[in-house]
Amino acid sequence: MDEYAWPTGPEAPAADAVRSSWAATVAALPVGTRITGEVIGRQRFGVFIRIDGVPNAIALAEITAMPHGMDLPALGAFVSGEVICHAAHNHQVKVRLDEWLAADE
């Protein structure tokens, strides 16, 4: 598999399920909510995360929130972080990872 992969397969929720569950996702994951999950996709701009306990949600941790000099987590890595906003246009929960916060301190 390529180092940079889109979230696909049984670990990624279907796009129509993510879209139809968007209102429930936003209600379940308000800004400031702590999340944990598995990295299921990796791109040069960030990582996609399957959020534990919210099966039809996808989180995105973008490099714009990553401290300079850090690396993106690997596919399959388990991560935790905090919800920083919601991107309604593409039904993504934006998060900042704890490992990035620790590096800033």
C-alpha atoms as a PDB file:
ATOM      1  CA  MET A   1       0.000   0.000   0.000  1.00  0.00           C
ATOM      2  CA  ASP A   2       1.135   3.528  -0.772  1.00  0.00           C
ATOM      3  CA  GLU A   3       2.297   5.590   2.213  1.00  0.00           C
ATOM      4  CA  TYR A   4      -0.454   8.090   1.402  1.00  0.00           C
ATOM      5  CA  ALA A   5      -3.844   6.419   1.276  1.00  0.00           C
ATOM      6  CA  TRP A   6      -7.456   7.559   1.250  1.00  0.00           C
ATOM      7  CA  PRO A   7      -9.669   5.965   3.892  1.00  0.00           C
ATOM      8  CA  THR A   8     -11.288   2.954   2.252  1.00  0.00           C
ATOM      9  CA  GLY A   9     -12.358  -0.550   3.146  1.00  0.00           C
ATOM     10  CA  PRO A  10     -14.332  -1.880   6.088  1.00  0.00           C
ATOM     11  CA  GLU A  11     -12.620   0.464   8.564  1.00  0.00           C
ATOM     12  CA  ALA A  12     -13.980   3.583   6.824  1.00  0.00           C
ATOM     13  CA  PRO A  13     -17.677   4.501   7.026  1.00  0.00           C
ATOM     14  CA  ALA A  14     -19.506   4.879   3.715  1.00  0.00           C
ATOM     15  CA  ALA A  15     -19.817   8.451   2.433  1.00  0.00           C
ATOM     16  CA  ASP A  16     -23.634   8.335   2.475  1.00  0.00           C
ATOM     17  CA  ALA A  17     -23.606   7.167   6.116  1.00  0.00           C
ATOM     18  CA  VAL A  18     -21.250  10.014   7.080  1.00  0.00           C
ATOM     19  CA  ARG A  19     -23.477  12.519   5.269  1.00  0.00           C
ATOM     20  CA  SER A  20     -26.778  11.257   6.694  1.00  0.00           C
ATOM     21  CA  SER A  21     -25.328  11.138  10.235  1.00  0.00           C
ATOM     22  CA  TRP A  22     -23.767  14.621  10.116  1.00  0.00           C
ATOM     23  CA  ALA A  23     -26.250  16.344  12.474  1.00  0.00           C
ATOM     24  CA  ALA A  24     -25.873  13.541  15.026  1.00  0.00           C
ATOM     25  CA  THR A  25     -22.078  13.662  14.670  1.00  0.00           C
ATOM     26  CA  VAL A  26     -21.942  17.411  15.368  1.00  0.00           C
ATOM     27  CA  ALA A  27     -24.256  16.960  18.373  1.00  0.00           C
ATOM     28  CA  ALA A  28     -22.142  14.086  19.751  1.00  0.00           C
ATOM     29  CA  LEU A  29     -18.796  15.833  19.162  1.00  0.00           C
ATOM     30  CA  PRO A  30     -19.030  19.542  20.020  1.00  0.00           C
ATOM     31  CA  VAL A  31     -15.911  21.711  19.866  1.00  0.00           C
ATOM     32  CA  GLY A  32     -13.670  20.852  22.814  1.00  0.00           C
ATOM     33  CA  THR A  33     -14.674  17.174  22.939  1.00  0.00           C
ATOM     34  CA  ARG A  34     -11.841  14.710  23.551  1.00  0.00           C
ATOM     35  CA  ILE A  35     -11.625  11.932  20.948  1.00  0.00           C
ATOM     36  CA  THR A  36      -9.613   8.787  20.380  1.00  0.00           C
ATOM     37  CA  GLY A  37      -9.415   6.734  17.236  1.00  0.00           C
ATOM     38  CA  GLU A  38      -7.381   4.958  14.578  1.00  0.00           C
ATOM     39  CA  VAL A  39      -5.645   6.575  11.612  1.00  0.00           C
ATOM     40  CA  ILE A  40      -7.398   5.090   8.562  1.00  0.00           C
ATOM     41  CA  GLY A  41      -6.070   7.395   5.850  1.00  0.00           C
ATOM     42  CA  ARG A  42      -2.985   9.476   5.334  1.00  0.00           C
ATOM     43  CA  GLN A  43      -2.395  12.337   2.908  1.00  0.00           C
ATOM     44  CA  ARG A  44       0.259  15.017   2.643  1.00  0.00           C
ATOM     45  CA  PHE A  45      -2.217  17.499   4.183  1.00  0.00           C
ATOM     46  CA  GLY A  46      -3.130  15.367   7.227  1.00  0.00           C
ATOM     47  CA  VAL A  47      -4.590  12.140   8.558  1.00  0.00           C
ATOM     48  CA  PHE A  48      -8.111  10.749   8.576  1.00  0.00           C
ATOM     49  CA  ILE A  49      -9.254   9.160  11.837  1.00  0.00           C
ATOM     50  CA  ARG A  50     -12.077   6.730  12.606  1.00  0.00           C
ATOM     51  CA  ILE A  51     -13.459   8.099  15.873  1.00  0.00           C
ATOM     52  CA  ASP A  52     -14.089   5.576  18.656  1.00  0.00           C
ATOM     53  CA  GLY A  53     -17.768   5.404  19.642  1.00  0.00           C
ATOM     54  CA  VAL A  54     -19.035   7.428  16.663  1.00  0.00           C
ATOM     55  CA  PRO A  55     -19.094   4.896  13.817  1.00  0.00           C
ATOM     56  CA  ASN A  56     -20.292   7.208  11.015  1.00  0.00           C
ATOM     57  CA  ALA A  57     -17.841  10.026  11.698  1.00  0.00           C
ATOM     58  CA  ILE A  58     -14.509  10.857  10.112  1.00  0.00           C
ATOM     59  CA  ALA A  59     -12.011  13.188  11.741  1.00  0.00           C
ATOM     60  CA  LEU A  60      -9.254  15.036   9.951  1.00  0.00           C
ATOM     61  CA  ALA A  61      -6.089  16.233  11.681  1.00  0.00           C
ATOM     62  CA  GLU A  62      -4.499  18.686   9.239  1.00  0.00           C
ATOM     63  CA  ILE A  63      -0.839  19.605   9.053  1.00  0.00           C
ATOM     64  CA  THR A  64      -1.824  23.239   9.651  1.00  0.00           C
ATOM     65  CA  ALA A  65      -2.302  22.213  13.312  1.00  0.00           C
ATOM     66  CA  MET A  66       0.950  20.207  13.428  1.00  0.00           C
ATOM     67  CA  PRO A  67       4.112  21.748  14.922  1.00  0.00           C
ATOM     68  CA  HIS A  68       7.023  22.240  12.526  1.00  0.00           C
ATOM     69  CA  GLY A  69       9.366  19.263  12.374  1.00  0.00           C
ATOM     70  CA  MET A  70       6.835  16.608  13.436  1.00  0.00           C
ATOM     71  CA  ASP A  71       5.696  13.675  11.315  1.00  0.00           C
ATOM     72  CA  LEU A  72       2.168  12.564  10.567  1.00  0.00           C
ATOM     73  CA  PRO A  73       1.025   9.480  12.490  1.00  0.00           C
ATOM     74  CA  ALA A  74       1.257   6.211  10.534  1.00  0.00           C
ATOM     75  CA  LEU A  75      -1.700   4.286   9.142  1.00  0.00           C
ATOM     76  CA  GLY A  76      -3.126   2.133  11.905  1.00  0.00           C
ATOM     77  CA  ALA A  77      -1.793   4.348  14.700  1.00  0.00           C
ATOM     78  CA  PHE A  78      -4.132   5.017  17.615  1.00  0.00           C
ATOM     79  CA  VAL A  79      -4.313   8.708  18.453  1.00  0.00           C
ATOM     80  CA  SER A  80      -6.187  11.085  20.715  1.00  0.00           C
ATOM     81  CA  GLY A  81      -6.990  14.751  20.465  1.00  0.00           C
ATOM     82  CA  GLU A  82      -9.569  17.492  20.709  1.00  0.00           C
ATOM     83  CA  VAL A  83     -12.307  18.623  18.327  1.00  0.00           C
ATOM     84  CA  ILE A  84     -11.435  22.125  17.076  1.00  0.00           C
ATOM     85  CA  CYS A  85     -14.190  22.676  14.476  1.00  0.00           C
ATOM     86  CA  HIS A  86     -16.653  21.043  12.087  1.00  0.00           C
ATOM     87  CA  ALA A  87     -16.375  21.246   8.289  1.00  0.00           C
ATOM     88  CA  ALA A  88     -19.980  20.909   7.150  1.00  0.00           C
ATOM     89  CA  HIS A  89     -19.136  21.167   3.447  1.00  0.00           C
ATOM     90  CA  ASN A  90     -17.316  17.816   3.542  1.00  0.00           C
ATOM     91  CA  HIS A  91     -18.722  16.357   6.779  1.00  0.00           C
ATOM     92  CA  GLN A  92     -15.406  16.209   8.635  1.00  0.00           C
ATOM     93  CA  VAL A  93     -14.656  16.727  12.296  1.00  0.00           C
ATOM     94  CA  LYS A  94     -11.395  18.693  12.512  1.00  0.00           C
ATOM     95  CA  VAL A  95      -9.120  17.710  15.395  1.00  0.00           C
ATOM     96  CA  ARG A  96      -5.784  18.691  16.886  1.00  0.00           C
ATOM     97  CA  LEU A  97      -3.818  15.691  18.115  1.00  0.00           C
ATOM     98  CA  ASP A  98      -2.478  15.489  21.675  1.00  0.00           C
ATOM     99  CA  GLU A  99       1.037  14.670  20.440  1.00  0.00           C
ATOM    100  CA  TRP A 100       1.024  17.983  18.556  1.00  0.00           C
ATOM    101  CA  LEU A 101      -0.133  19.889  21.637  1.00  0.00           C
ATOM    102  CA  ALA A 102       2.629  18.324  23.755  1.00  0.00           C
ATOM    103  CA  ALA A 103       5.273  19.354  21.204  1.00  0.00           C
ATOM    104  CA  ASP A 104       4.089  22.981  21.395  1.00  0.00           C
ATOM    105  CA  GLU A 105       4.576  23.133  25.173  1.00  0.00           C
END
